[in-house]
Amino acid sequence: MTHHNDTTQTHQRSGWLWVSAGVLASLILVQGAGMLDSTAHAEMSSTSGAYTMITTDGGNDEILIVVDSSQEMLMVYRGDRNQGMQLLDREELSGLFARARARALGQP
């Protein structure tokens, strides 16, 4: 049973890794295309100093993604009406991109 729990946790972590990588890739594309000045309909982004914040629909919850460029960290929060904001995951950007690069090259 422990092996099953470890496998489940690994899949959850790798899932957030892909979500984080996708969000960062989207940010790069949007920034490069100059689309941040256009009206946002379902999702919003904002930059203040070293922080970039992005909200997105997470089904029943709102998801807040915070990129702290000074600390090179990405944090993912879930907004719940009953429990407030909860930190779901926290990743160092250098490690995140290193793992994404390794996966793209077919390495574990």
PDB file of N, CA and C in Angstrom:
ATOM      1  N   MET A   1       0.819  -1.191   0.000  1.00  0.00           N
ATOM      2  CA  MET A   1       0.000   0.000   0.000  1.00  0.00           C
ATOM      3  C   MET A   1       0.862   1.253   0.000  1.00  0.00           C
ATOM      4  N   THR A   2       2.015   1.187   0.657  1.00  0.00           N
ATOM      5  CA  THR A   2       2.913   2.334   0.695  1.00  0.00           C
ATOM      6  C   THR A   2       3.409   2.671  -0.706  1.00  0.00           C
ATOM      7  N   HIS A   3       3.714   1.636  -1.500  1.00  0.00           N
ATOM      8  CA  HIS A   3       4.161   1.864  -2.870  1.00  0.00           C
ATOM      9  C   HIS A   3       3.088   2.600  -3.668  1.00  0.00           C
ATOM     10  N   HIS A   4       1.828   2.226  -3.475  1.00  0.00           N
ATOM     11  CA  HIS A   4       0.720   2.883  -4.168  1.00  0.00           C
ATOM     12  C   HIS A   4       0.633   4.356  -3.778  1.00  0.00           C
ATOM     13  N   ASN A   5       0.766   4.655  -2.486  1.00  0.00           N
ATOM     14  CA  ASN A   5       0.718   6.042  -2.018  1.00  0.00           C
ATOM     15  C   ASN A   5       1.876   6.847  -2.580  1.00  0.00           C
ATOM     16  N   ASP A   6       3.081   6.252  -2.614  1.00  0.00           N
ATOM     17  CA  ASP A   6       4.245   6.933  -3.178  1.00  0.00           C
ATOM     18  C   ASP A   6       4.033   7.224  -4.655  1.00  0.00           C
ATOM     19  N   THR A   7       3.483   6.255  -5.385  1.00  0.00           N
ATOM     20  CA  THR A   7       3.218   6.433  -6.804  1.00  0.00           C
ATOM     21  C   THR A   7       2.191   7.529  -7.020  1.00  0.00           C
ATOM     22  N   THR A   8       1.142   7.553  -6.208  1.00  0.00           N
ATOM     23  CA  THR A   8       0.113   8.583  -6.320  1.00  0.00           C
ATOM     24  C   THR A   8       0.702   9.961  -6.062  1.00  0.00           C
ATOM     25  N   GLN A   9       1.528  10.088  -5.027  1.00  0.00           N
ATOM     26  CA  GLN A   9       2.149  11.378  -4.727  1.00  0.00           C
ATOM     27  C   GLN A   9       3.077  11.808  -5.850  1.00  0.00           C
ATOM     28  N   THR A  10       3.813  10.877  -6.440  1.00  0.00           N
ATOM     29  CA  THR A  10       4.706  11.201  -7.550  1.00  0.00           C
ATOM     30  C   THR A  10       3.909  11.698  -8.740  1.00  0.00           C
ATOM     31  N   HIS A  11       2.784  11.039  -9.046  1.00  0.00           N
ATOM     32  CA  HIS A  11       1.942  11.472 -10.157  1.00  0.00           C
ATOM     33  C   HIS A  11       1.363  12.855  -9.891  1.00  0.00           C
ATOM     34  N   GLN A  12       0.964  13.131  -8.651  1.00  0.00           N
ATOM     35  CA  GLN A  12       0.416  14.445  -8.322  1.00  0.00           C
ATOM     36  C   GLN A  12       1.478  15.522  -8.485  1.00  0.00           C
ATOM     37  N   ARG A  13       2.691  15.237  -8.022  1.00  0.00           N
ATOM     38  CA  ARG A  13       3.775  16.216  -8.152  1.00  0.00           C
ATOM     39  C   ARG A  13       4.109  16.465  -9.614  1.00  0.00           C
ATOM     40  N   SER A  14       4.193  15.399 -10.395  1.00  0.00           N
ATOM     41  CA  SER A  14       4.531  15.586 -11.801  1.00  0.00           C
ATOM     42  C   SER A  14       3.396  16.291 -12.534  1.00  0.00           C
ATOM     43  N   GLY A  15       2.165  16.085 -12.090  1.00  0.00           N
ATOM     44  CA  GLY A  15       1.037  16.807 -12.691  1.00  0.00           C
ATOM     45  C   GLY A  15       1.158  18.297 -12.471  1.00  0.00           C
ATOM     46  N   TRP A  16       1.500  18.699 -11.251  1.00  0.00           N
ATOM     47  CA  TRP A  16       1.683  20.131 -10.972  1.00  0.00           C
ATOM     48  C   TRP A  16       2.886  20.680 -11.707  1.00  0.00           C
ATOM     49  N   LEU A  17       3.890  19.851 -11.927  1.00  0.00           N
ATOM     50  CA  LEU A  17       5.057  20.270 -12.693  1.00  0.00           C
ATOM     51  C   LEU A  17       4.640  20.637 -14.109  1.00  0.00           C
ATOM     52  N   TRP A  18       3.805  19.793 -14.711  1.00  0.00           N
ATOM     53  CA  TRP A  18       3.344  20.081 -16.069  1.00  0.00           C
ATOM     54  C   TRP A  18       2.423  21.296 -16.097  1.00  0.00           C
ATOM     55  N   VAL A  19       1.561  21.435 -15.102  1.00  0.00           N
ATOM     56  CA  VAL A  19       0.691  22.616 -15.030  1.00  0.00           C
ATOM     57  C   VAL A  19       1.543  23.872 -14.920  1.00  0.00           C
ATOM     58  N   SER A  20       2.531  23.841 -14.053  1.00  0.00           N
ATOM     59  CA  SER A  20       3.408  24.992 -13.852  1.00  0.00           C
ATOM     60  C   SER A  20       4.176  25.327 -15.126  1.00  0.00           C
ATOM     61  N   ALA A  21       4.706  24.313 -15.787  1.00  0.00           N
ATOM     62  CA  ALA A  21       5.445  24.536 -17.028  1.00  0.00           C
ATOM     63  C   ALA A  21       4.532  25.118 -18.102  1.00  0.00           C
ATOM     64  N   GLY A  22       3.299  24.627 -18.174  1.00  0.00           N
ATOM     65  CA  GLY A  22       2.338  25.157 -19.142  1.00  0.00           C
ATOM     66  C   GLY A  22       1.990  26.605 -18.880  1.00  0.00           C
ATOM     67  N   VAL A  23       1.807  26.942 -17.619  1.00  0.00           N
ATOM     68  CA  VAL A  23       1.492  28.326 -17.255  1.00  0.00           C
ATOM     69  C   VAL A  23       2.652  29.238 -17.614  1.00  0.00           C
ATOM     70  N   LEU A  24       3.858  28.818 -17.293  1.00  0.00           N
ATOM     71  CA  LEU A  24       5.030  29.633 -17.616  1.00  0.00           C
ATOM     72  C   LEU A  24       5.196  29.791 -19.125  1.00  0.00           C
ATOM     73  N   ALA A  25       4.984  28.722 -19.873  1.00  0.00           N
ATOM     74  CA  ALA A  25       5.071  28.805 -21.329  1.00  0.00           C
ATOM     75  C   ALA A  25       4.012  29.758 -21.876  1.00  0.00           C
ATOM     76  N   SER A  26       2.808  29.699 -21.332  1.00  0.00           N
ATOM     77  CA  SER A  26       1.743  30.614 -21.749  1.00  0.00           C
ATOM     78  C   SER A  26       2.108  32.058 -21.450  1.00  0.00           C
ATOM     79  N   LEU A  27       2.678  32.290 -20.279  1.00  0.00           N
ATOM     80  CA  LEU A  27       3.112  33.645 -19.922  1.00  0.00           C
ATOM     81  C   LEU A  27       4.142  34.173 -20.911  1.00  0.00           C
ATOM     82  N   ILE A  28       5.089  33.330 -21.270  1.00  0.00           N
ATOM     83  CA  ILE A  28       6.125  33.740 -22.213  1.00  0.00           C
ATOM     84  C   ILE A  28       5.510  34.072 -23.564  1.00  0.00           C
ATOM     85  N   LEU A  29       4.599  33.234 -24.040  1.00  0.00           N
ATOM     86  CA  LEU A  29       3.949  33.488 -25.324  1.00  0.00           C
ATOM     87  C   LEU A  29       3.120  34.766 -25.298  1.00  0.00           C
ATOM     88  N   VAL A  30       2.358  34.953 -24.239  1.00  0.00           N
ATOM     89  CA  VAL A  30       1.513  36.145 -24.130  1.00  0.00           C
ATOM     90  C   VAL A  30       2.375  37.397 -24.038  1.00  0.00           C
ATOM     91  N   GLN A  31       3.417  37.343 -23.247  1.00  0.00           N
ATOM     92  CA  GLN A  31       4.310  38.493 -23.104  1.00  0.00           C
ATOM     93  C   GLN A  31       4.975  38.808 -24.441  1.00  0.00           C
ATOM     94  N   GLY A  32       5.430  37.783 -25.128  1.00  0.00           N
ATOM     95  CA  GLY A  32       6.093  37.972 -26.412  1.00  0.00           C
ATOM     96  C   GLY A  32       5.163  38.519 -27.475  1.00  0.00           C
ATOM     97  N   ALA A  33       3.916  38.163 -27.427  1.00  0.00           N
ATOM     98  CA  ALA A  33       2.948  38.637 -28.416  1.00  0.00           C
ATOM     99  C   ALA A  33       2.374  39.997 -28.053  1.00  0.00           C
ATOM    100  N   GLY A  34       2.718  40.527 -26.885  1.00  0.00           N
ATOM    101  CA  GLY A  34       2.209  41.828 -26.476  1.00  0.00           C
ATOM    102  C   GLY A  34       0.731  41.811 -26.141  1.00  0.00           C
ATOM    103  N   MET A  35       0.226  40.687 -25.675  1.00  0.00           N
ATOM    104  CA  MET A  35      -1.204  40.561 -25.433  1.00  0.00           C
ATOM    105  C   MET A  35      -1.599  40.851 -23.993  1.00  0.00           C
ATOM    106  N   LEU A  36      -0.648  41.168 -23.123  1.00  0.00           N
ATOM    107  CA  LEU A  36      -1.001  41.424 -21.729  1.00  0.00           C
ATOM    108  C   LEU A  36      -1.825  42.696 -21.561  1.00  0.00           C
ATOM    109  N   ASP A  37      -1.751  43.591 -22.542  1.00  0.00           N
ATOM    110  CA  ASP A  37      -2.525  44.826 -22.457  1.00  0.00           C
ATOM    111  C   ASP A  37      -3.970  44.637 -22.901  1.00  0.00           C
ATOM    112  N   SER A  38      -4.293  43.503 -23.509  1.00  0.00           N
ATOM    113  CA  SER A  38      -5.657  43.284 -23.964  1.00  0.00           C
ATOM    114  C   SER A  38      -6.549  42.872 -22.793  1.00  0.00           C
ATOM    115  N   THR A  39      -7.844  42.940 -23.016  1.00  0.00           N
ATOM    116  CA  THR A  39      -8.806  42.602 -21.978  1.00  0.00           C
ATOM    117  C   THR A  39      -8.776  41.109 -21.689  1.00  0.00           C
ATOM    118  N   ALA A  40      -8.710  40.764 -20.431  1.00  0.00           N
ATOM    119  CA  ALA A  40      -8.760  39.356 -20.028  1.00  0.00           C
ATOM    120  C   ALA A  40     -10.203  39.012 -19.689  1.00  0.00           C
ATOM    121  N   HIS A  41     -10.685  37.894 -20.186  1.00  0.00           N
ATOM    122  CA  HIS A  41     -12.080  37.534 -19.962  1.00  0.00           C
ATOM    123  C   HIS A  41     -12.254  36.576 -18.788  1.00  0.00           C
ATOM    124  N   ALA A  42     -11.617  35.434 -18.836  1.00  0.00           N
ATOM    125  CA  ALA A  42     -11.823  34.447 -17.775  1.00  0.00           C
ATOM    126  C   ALA A  42     -10.659  34.392 -16.800  1.00  0.00           C
ATOM    127  N   GLU A  43      -9.491  34.766 -17.263  1.00  0.00           N
ATOM    128  CA  GLU A  43      -8.310  34.691 -16.419  1.00  0.00           C
ATOM    129  C   GLU A  43      -7.670  36.072 -16.353  1.00  0.00           C
ATOM    130  N   MET A  44      -7.014  36.336 -15.234  1.00  0.00           N
ATOM    131  CA  MET A  44      -6.376  37.639 -15.052  1.00  0.00           C
ATOM    132  C   MET A  44      -4.920  37.437 -14.674  1.00  0.00           C
ATOM    133  N   SER A  45      -4.092  38.384 -15.075  1.00  0.00           N
ATOM    134  CA  SER A  45      -2.701  38.373 -14.637  1.00  0.00           C
ATOM    135  C   SER A  45      -2.327  39.784 -14.227  1.00  0.00           C
ATOM    136  N   SER A  46      -1.383  39.869 -13.318  1.00  0.00           N
ATOM    137  CA  SER A  46      -0.936  41.161 -12.817  1.00  0.00           C
ATOM    138  C   SER A  46       0.511  41.030 -12.375  1.00  0.00           C
ATOM    139  N   THR A  47       1.267  42.090 -12.578  1.00  0.00           N
ATOM    140  CA  THR A  47       2.658  42.109 -12.144  1.00  0.00           C
ATOM    141  C   THR A  47       2.860  43.291 -11.224  1.00  0.00           C
ATOM    142  N   SER A  48       3.523  43.044 -10.123  1.00  0.00           N
ATOM    143  CA  SER A  48       3.853  44.100  -9.172  1.00  0.00           C
ATOM    144  C   SER A  48       5.240  43.806  -8.620  1.00  0.00           C
ATOM    145  N   GLY A  49       6.194  44.625  -8.997  1.00  0.00           N
ATOM    146  CA  GLY A  49       7.563  44.402  -8.544  1.00  0.00           C
ATOM    147  C   GLY A  49       8.078  43.066  -9.027  1.00  0.00           C
ATOM    148  N   ALA A  50       8.534  42.249  -8.113  1.00  0.00           N
ATOM    149  CA  ALA A  50       9.104  40.940  -8.450  1.00  0.00           C
ATOM    150  C   ALA A  50       8.043  39.854  -8.579  1.00  0.00           C
ATOM    151  N   TYR A  51       6.776  40.193  -8.369  1.00  0.00           N
ATOM    152  CA  TYR A  51       5.718  39.185  -8.356  1.00  0.00           C
ATOM    153  C   TYR A  51       4.847  39.275  -9.602  1.00  0.00           C
ATOM    154  N   THR A  52       4.543  38.117 -10.166  1.00  0.00           N
ATOM    155  CA  THR A  52       3.543  38.000 -11.216  1.00  0.00           C
ATOM    156  C   THR A  52       2.485  37.054 -10.689  1.00  0.00           C
ATOM    157  N   MET A  53       1.223  37.493 -10.750  1.00  0.00           N
ATOM    158  CA  MET A  53       0.113  36.692 -10.246  1.00  0.00           C
ATOM    159  C   MET A  53      -0.852  36.395 -11.383  1.00  0.00           C
ATOM    160  N   ILE A  54      -1.287  35.148 -11.448  1.00  0.00           N
ATOM    161  CA  ILE A  54      -2.198  34.704 -12.493  1.00  0.00           C
ATOM    162  C   ILE A  54      -3.318  33.928 -11.828  1.00  0.00           C
ATOM    163  N   THR A  55      -4.543  34.236 -12.198  1.00  0.00           N
ATOM    164  CA  THR A  55      -5.670  33.446 -11.705  1.00  0.00           C
ATOM    165  C   THR A  55      -6.240  32.638 -12.861  1.00  0.00           C
ATOM    166  N   THR A  56      -6.769  31.484 -12.522  1.00  0.00           N
ATOM    167  CA  THR A  56      -7.394  30.640 -13.525  1.00  0.00           C
ATOM    168  C   THR A  56      -8.487  29.807 -12.863  1.00  0.00           C
ATOM    169  N   ASP A  57      -9.406  29.335 -13.665  1.00  0.00           N
ATOM    170  CA  ASP A  57     -10.507  28.518 -13.165  1.00  0.00           C
ATOM    171  C   ASP A  57     -10.006  27.109 -12.901  1.00  0.00           C
ATOM    172  N   GLY A  58     -10.192  26.634 -11.696  1.00  0.00           N
ATOM    173  CA  GLY A  58      -9.776  25.284 -11.326  1.00  0.00           C
ATOM    174  C   GLY A  58     -10.960  24.368 -11.108  1.00  0.00           C
ATOM    175  N   GLY A  59     -12.030  24.572 -11.850  1.00  0.00           N
ATOM    176  CA  GLY A  59     -13.233  23.762 -11.636  1.00  0.00           C
ATOM    177  C   GLY A  59     -14.079  24.388 -10.558  1.00  0.00           C
ATOM    178  N   ASN A  60     -14.154  23.758  -9.403  1.00  0.00           N
ATOM    179  CA  ASN A  60     -14.924  24.299  -8.284  1.00  0.00           C
ATOM    180  C   ASN A  60     -14.176  25.383  -7.527  1.00  0.00           C
ATOM    181  N   ASP A  61     -12.881  25.498  -7.757  1.00  0.00           N
ATOM    182  CA  ASP A  61     -12.046  26.447  -7.027  1.00  0.00           C
ATOM    183  C   ASP A  61     -11.361  27.399  -8.000  1.00  0.00           C
ATOM    184  N   GLU A  62     -10.879  28.499  -7.474  1.00  0.00           N
ATOM    185  CA  GLU A  62     -10.020  29.401  -8.234  1.00  0.00           C
ATOM    186  C   GLU A  62      -8.580  29.031  -7.930  1.00  0.00           C
ATOM    187  N   ILE A  63      -7.734  29.104  -8.929  1.00  0.00           N
ATOM    188  CA  ILE A  63      -6.315  28.809  -8.764  1.00  0.00           C
ATOM    189  C   ILE A  63      -5.541  30.117  -8.927  1.00  0.00           C
ATOM    190  N   LEU A  64      -4.634  30.375  -7.996  1.00  0.00           N
ATOM    191  CA  LEU A  64      -3.754  31.540  -8.058  1.00  0.00           C
ATOM    192  C   LEU A  64      -2.328  31.032  -8.198  1.00  0.00           C
ATOM    193  N   ILE A  65      -1.652  31.486  -9.243  1.00  0.00           N
ATOM    194  CA  ILE A  65      -0.260  31.119  -9.467  1.00  0.00           C
ATOM    195  C   ILE A  65       0.566  32.374  -9.255  1.00  0.00           C
ATOM    196  N   VAL A  66       1.567  32.279  -8.398  1.00  0.00           N
ATOM    197  CA  VAL A  66       2.427  33.419  -8.085  1.00  0.00           C
ATOM    198  C   VAL A  66       3.849  33.057  -8.482  1.00  0.00           C
ATOM    199  N   VAL A  67       4.462  33.910  -9.306  1.00  0.00           N
ATOM    200  CA  VAL A  67       5.864  33.754  -9.665  1.00  0.00           C
ATOM    201  C   VAL A  67       6.627  34.869  -8.969  1.00  0.00           C
ATOM    202  N   ASP A  68       7.558  34.491  -8.115  1.00  0.00           N
ATOM    203  CA  ASP A  68       8.415  35.443  -7.403  1.00  0.00           C
ATOM    204  C   ASP A  68       9.764  35.433  -8.111  1.00  0.00           C
ATOM    205  N   SER A  69      10.007  36.440  -8.957  1.00  0.00           N
ATOM    206  CA  SER A  69      11.235  36.444  -9.748  1.00  0.00           C
ATOM    207  C   SER A  69      12.469  36.735  -8.906  1.00  0.00           C
ATOM    208  N   SER A  70      12.323  37.422  -7.788  1.00  0.00           N
ATOM    209  CA  SER A  70      13.494  37.703  -6.953  1.00  0.00           C
ATOM    210  C   SER A  70      13.991  36.443  -6.251  1.00  0.00           C
ATOM    211  N   GLN A  71      13.091  35.575  -5.840  1.00  0.00           N
ATOM    212  CA  GLN A  71      13.461  34.316  -5.188  1.00  0.00           C
ATOM    213  C   GLN A  71      13.467  33.141  -6.169  1.00  0.00           C
ATOM    214  N   GLU A  72      13.053  33.396  -7.421  1.00  0.00           N
ATOM    215  CA  GLU A  72      12.942  32.370  -8.460  1.00  0.00           C
ATOM    216  C   GLU A  72      12.091  31.194  -7.989  1.00  0.00           C
ATOM    217  N   MET A  73      10.891  31.531  -7.491  1.00  0.00           N
ATOM    218  CA  MET A  73       9.960  30.524  -6.977  1.00  0.00           C
ATOM    219  C   MET A  73       8.619  30.645  -7.694  1.00  0.00           C
ATOM    220  N   LEU A  74       7.942  29.518  -7.839  1.00  0.00           N
ATOM    221  CA  LEU A  74       6.583  29.473  -8.352  1.00  0.00           C
ATOM    222  C   LEU A  74       5.732  28.828  -7.275  1.00  0.00           C
ATOM    223  N   MET A  75       4.628  29.491  -6.900  1.00  0.00           N
ATOM    224  CA  MET A  75       3.730  28.965  -5.878  1.00  0.00           C
ATOM    225  C   MET A  75       2.325  28.866  -6.460  1.00  0.00           C
ATOM    226  N   VAL A  76       1.643  27.777  -6.154  1.00  0.00           N
ATOM    227  CA  VAL A  76       0.285  27.554  -6.641  1.00  0.00           C
ATOM    228  C   VAL A  76      -0.641  27.471  -5.432  1.00  0.00           C
ATOM    229  N   TYR A  77      -1.668  28.330  -5.433  1.00  0.00           N
ATOM    230  CA  TYR A  77      -2.637  28.376  -4.341  1.00  0.00           C
ATOM    231  C   TYR A  77      -4.018  28.022  -4.876  1.00  0.00           C
ATOM    232  N   ARG A  78      -4.839  27.477  -4.000  1.00  0.00           N
ATOM    233  CA  ARG A  78      -6.240  27.199  -4.312  1.00  0.00           C
ATOM    234  C   ARG A  78      -7.097  28.076  -3.420  1.00  0.00           C
ATOM    235  N   GLY A  79      -8.050  28.759  -4.030  1.00  0.00           N
ATOM    236  CA  GLY A  79      -8.981  29.588  -3.272  1.00  0.00           C
ATOM    237  C   GLY A  79     -10.275  28.842  -3.044  1.00  0.00           C
ATOM    238  N   ASP A  80     -10.632  28.662  -1.797  1.00  0.00           N
ATOM    239  CA  ASP A  80     -11.837  27.932  -1.422  1.00  0.00           C
ATOM    240  C   ASP A  80     -12.663  28.830  -0.510  1.00  0.00           C
ATOM    241  N   ARG A  81     -13.946  28.933  -0.764  1.00  0.00           N
ATOM    242  CA  ARG A  81     -14.802  29.813   0.051  1.00  0.00           C
ATOM    243  C   ARG A  81     -14.811  29.419   1.520  1.00  0.00           C
ATOM    244  N   ASN A  82     -14.743  28.143   1.796  1.00  0.00           N
ATOM    245  CA  ASN A  82     -14.801  27.674   3.184  1.00  0.00           C
ATOM    246  C   ASN A  82     -13.453  27.724   3.884  1.00  0.00           C
ATOM    247  N   GLN A  83     -12.392  27.381   3.175  1.00  0.00           N
ATOM    248  CA  GLN A  83     -11.082  27.257   3.809  1.00  0.00           C
ATOM    249  C   GLN A  83     -10.111  28.365   3.423  1.00  0.00           C
ATOM    250  N   GLY A  84     -10.510  29.295   2.575  1.00  0.00           N
ATOM    251  CA  GLY A  84      -9.634  30.388   2.171  1.00  0.00           C
ATOM    252  C   GLY A  84      -8.566  29.923   1.195  1.00  0.00           C
ATOM    253  N   MET A  85      -7.444  30.632   1.177  1.00  0.00           N
ATOM    254  CA  MET A  85      -6.342  30.304   0.277  1.00  0.00           C
ATOM    255  C   MET A  85      -5.470  29.218   0.898  1.00  0.00           C
ATOM    256  N   GLN A  86      -5.164  28.212   0.101  1.00  0.00           N
ATOM    257  CA  GLN A  86      -4.316  27.111   0.557  1.00  0.00           C
ATOM    258  C   GLN A  86      -3.169  26.928  -0.427  1.00  0.00           C
ATOM    259  N   LEU A  87      -1.953  26.829   0.089  1.00  0.00           N
ATOM    260  CA  LEU A  87      -0.793  26.575  -0.753  1.00  0.00           C
ATOM    261  C   LEU A  87      -0.840  25.124  -1.226  1.00  0.00           C
ATOM    262  N   LEU A  88      -0.894  24.927  -2.542  1.00  0.00           N
ATOM    263  CA  LEU A  88      -0.922  23.575  -3.098  1.00  0.00           C
ATOM    264  C   LEU A  88       0.475  23.063  -3.407  1.00  0.00           C
ATOM    265  N   ASP A  89       1.315  23.945  -3.943  1.00  0.00           N
ATOM    266  CA  ASP A  89       2.650  23.515  -4.328  1.00  0.00           C
ATOM    267  C   ASP A  89       3.573  24.715  -4.404  1.00  0.00           C
ATOM    268  N   ARG A  90       4.848  24.440  -4.222  1.00  0.00           N
ATOM    269  CA  ARG A  90       5.880  25.475  -4.281  1.00  0.00           C
ATOM    270  C   ARG A  90       7.081  24.855  -4.973  1.00  0.00           C
ATOM    271  N   GLU A  91       7.589  25.505  -5.995  1.00  0.00           N
ATOM    272  CA  GLU A  91       8.692  24.957  -6.783  1.00  0.00           C
ATOM    273  C   GLU A  91       9.737  26.030  -7.041  1.00  0.00           C
ATOM    274  N   GLU A  92      11.005  25.640  -7.016  1.00  0.00           N
ATOM    275  CA  GLU A  92      12.065  26.526  -7.470  1.00  0.00           C
ATOM    276  C   GLU A  92      12.055  26.488  -8.992  1.00  0.00           C
ATOM    277  N   LEU A  93      12.103  27.662  -9.625  1.00  0.00           N
ATOM    278  CA  LEU A  93      12.024  27.718 -11.079  1.00  0.00           C
ATOM    279  C   LEU A  93      13.190  26.989 -11.747  1.00  0.00           C
ATOM    280  N   SER A  94      14.384  27.080 -11.178  1.00  0.00           N
ATOM    281  CA  SER A  94      15.541  26.409 -11.787  1.00  0.00           C
ATOM    282  C   SER A  94      15.323  24.894 -11.826  1.00  0.00           C
ATOM    283  N   GLY A  95      14.845  24.327 -10.737  1.00  0.00           N
ATOM    284  CA  GLY A  95      14.569  22.893 -10.699  1.00  0.00           C
ATOM    285  C   GLY A  95      13.422  22.507 -11.613  1.00  0.00           C
ATOM    286  N   LEU A  96      12.410  23.352 -11.664  1.00  0.00           N
ATOM    287  CA  LEU A  96      11.248  23.114 -12.517  1.00  0.00           C
ATOM    288  C   LEU A  96      11.663  23.028 -13.980  1.00  0.00           C
ATOM    289  N   PHE A  97      12.460  24.001 -14.422  1.00  0.00           N
ATOM    290  CA  PHE A  97      12.890  24.006 -15.817  1.00  0.00           C
ATOM    291  C   PHE A  97      13.892  22.891 -16.101  1.00  0.00           C
ATOM    292  N   ALA A  98      14.743  22.562 -15.150  1.00  0.00           N
ATOM    293  CA  ALA A  98      15.691  21.457 -15.338  1.00  0.00           C
ATOM    294  C   ALA A  98      14.939  20.142 -15.535  1.00  0.00           C
ATOM    295  N   ARG A  99      13.906  19.900 -14.732  1.00  0.00           N
ATOM    296  CA  ARG A  99      13.114  18.670 -14.878  1.00  0.00           C
ATOM    297  C   ARG A  99      12.334  18.670 -16.187  1.00  0.00           C
ATOM    298  N   ALA A 100      11.808  19.819 -16.578  1.00  0.00           N
ATOM    299  CA  ALA A 100      11.066  19.904 -17.840  1.00  0.00           C
ATOM    300  C   ALA A 100      12.000  19.642 -19.023  1.00  0.00           C
ATOM    301  N   ARG A 101      13.213  20.204 -18.990  1.00  0.00           N
ATOM    302  CA  ARG A 101      14.195  19.967 -20.042  1.00  0.00           C
ATOM    303  C   ARG A 101      14.557  18.482 -20.119  1.00  0.00           C
ATOM    304  N   ALA A 102      14.797  17.876 -18.964  1.00  0.00           N
ATOM    305  CA  ALA A 102      15.154  16.456 -18.928  1.00  0.00           C
ATOM    306  C   ALA A 102      14.025  15.604 -19.493  1.00  0.00           C
ATOM    307  N   ARG A 103      12.805  15.926 -19.140  1.00  0.00           N
ATOM    308  CA  ARG A 103      11.648  15.169 -19.658  1.00  0.00           C
ATOM    309  C   ARG A 103      11.507  15.342 -21.157  1.00  0.00           C
ATOM    310  N   ALA A 104      11.745  16.558 -21.643  1.00  0.00           N
ATOM    311  CA  ALA A 104      11.639  16.814 -23.080  1.00  0.00           C
ATOM    312  C   ALA A 104      12.679  16.004 -23.853  1.00  0.00           C
ATOM    313  N   LEU A 105      13.807  15.742 -23.216  1.00  0.00           N
ATOM    314  CA  LEU A 105      14.867  14.955 -23.846  1.00  0.00           C
ATOM    315  C   LEU A 105      14.704  13.459 -23.599  1.00  0.00           C
ATOM    316  N   GLY A 106      13.624  13.073 -22.920  1.00  0.00           N
ATOM    317  CA  GLY A 106      13.332  11.665 -22.681  1.00  0.00           C
ATOM    318  C   GLY A 106      14.015  11.079 -21.468  1.00  0.00           C
ATOM    319  N   GLN A 107      14.536  11.925 -20.601  1.00  0.00           N
ATOM    320  CA  GLN A 107      15.182  11.448 -19.382  1.00  0.00           C
ATOM    321  C   GLN A 107      14.172  11.483 -18.245  1.00  0.00           C
ATOM    322  N   PRO A 108      14.321  10.584 -17.258  1.00  0.00           N
ATOM    323  CA  PRO A 108      13.361  10.571 -16.138  1.00  0.00           C
ATOM    324  C   PRO A 108      13.491  11.769 -15.230  1.00  0.00           C
TER     325      PRO A 108
END
